[in-house]
Amino acid sequence: MRSDRIYIIAEAGVNHNGSLDLAHKLVDAAADAGADAVKFQTFRAEALVSEGAPKAAYQQQYTDAAESQYQMLKKLELSEAAHRALAVHCRARGIQFLSTPFDEESVDLLVRKIGVSMLKIPSGEITNGPLLLKAARTRKPIVLSTGMSDLRDIEAALGVVAFGYTRPKDAPSRTAFRKAFASPEGRRALRKKVTLLHCTTEYPAPAADVNLKAMDTMREAFGLPVGYSDHTAGMSIPIAAAARGAVLIEKHFTLDRTLPGPDHRSSLEPQELAAMVKAVRDIESALGSGRKGPAVSEKKNITVARRSLVAARNIERNEIFSPENIACKRPGTGSSPLHYWSLLGKRAKKNFRKDEVIVI
């Protein structure tokens, strides 16, 4: 990721509904919208959930209520061949292919066989120590989502990651994780390789629960770059996150919100995704350097908009300047009105016509 650019991930997730053709169309939509990356999800249902695990309320609402979470996810798996095909398609379209691994075998698939440039760890896996350690020991950069977490949860996860980056052969333990997090080399590794994402894990997430100020808290607590993964309806919240300094924006999208499936209802459609990307790019440009000074485009307006000291009426040479014979009017081509008081009481060195600019 470029440090001077907000990185935008178009989250396809499982909105392909198990169809490779639909997944390819999602790649095209993300590329057409101008996103930096399109991200899918990589998992084996049997490694992720038990066969009797219940579905979340939003999943119950938008999928077959009679099926289990395992049955739902089994239909949404992407094969290794599908991953390879999508990665090739992404290269052809000039957009980065990413996917979230939900198990250690999926980490191997993405890193060793697909060659992803970084790994995204989802909010639900922030306490999955073995998965965090596996991801860190690949040496790939990690984007860590923090939905449902407090600062202690995040610190614990970062300890595992710091240990994985800096102690590739040591035996893992809670004590070793804490030491790695506190160590100078562990902190350096985290600063170099980890981006945190603030997130609210609800679909759709209520605006009142978003708490964008938590990005500031996380940035101050850990000294790491912070982005935002959005589950709200619409695009106003991720745009606000960009304005608040998010280095990365992740947003779910779909080809059609009316499609069956767990995540379509809280996703943007292609034209909305394109509008969000444009808005984020506008904000990125508008944030600027932070240095306060006249913008290039406004310099030409300085003399038009500002005022000068002028003669309020005709003034004779040697006449004393007073509130009755000097005024402040446009254009700003003469002496600044800030010199008004220093001019009072002095004598005019020449004749001035009414409205003539006075130059001190």
Foldseek 3Di string as FASTA:
>chain_A
DDQLAQAEEAEQELLCQLPLVQVLVSLVLCLVLPHQAYEYAAEQLVVQDDLAAADDPLQCVQAPVPHHPSVSVNSRHDDLVSLQVNCVSNVVSNHAYYYEYPDLVRLCSCCVPVNHQAHEHEQVCLVVLVNLLSRLLSVHFYEYENAPHDPVSNLQSLLSNLCSNPPVPDDDDSVSSNCSSPDPSSLVSCQVGYEYAYEHPDAQDDPVPRPLCVLVVVCVVRVHQYAYEHRHAAQPVNLVNLLVRHSYYYFYAHCDLSDGDSHSVSHHHSVRSSVNVVSSVVSSVVVPDPDDDDDPVCPVCQQVPFWAKAFQAKAAFFDFDDPVTIDIGGGNPAHHCVCVVVRGGGTHHHIHHHRDGDHD
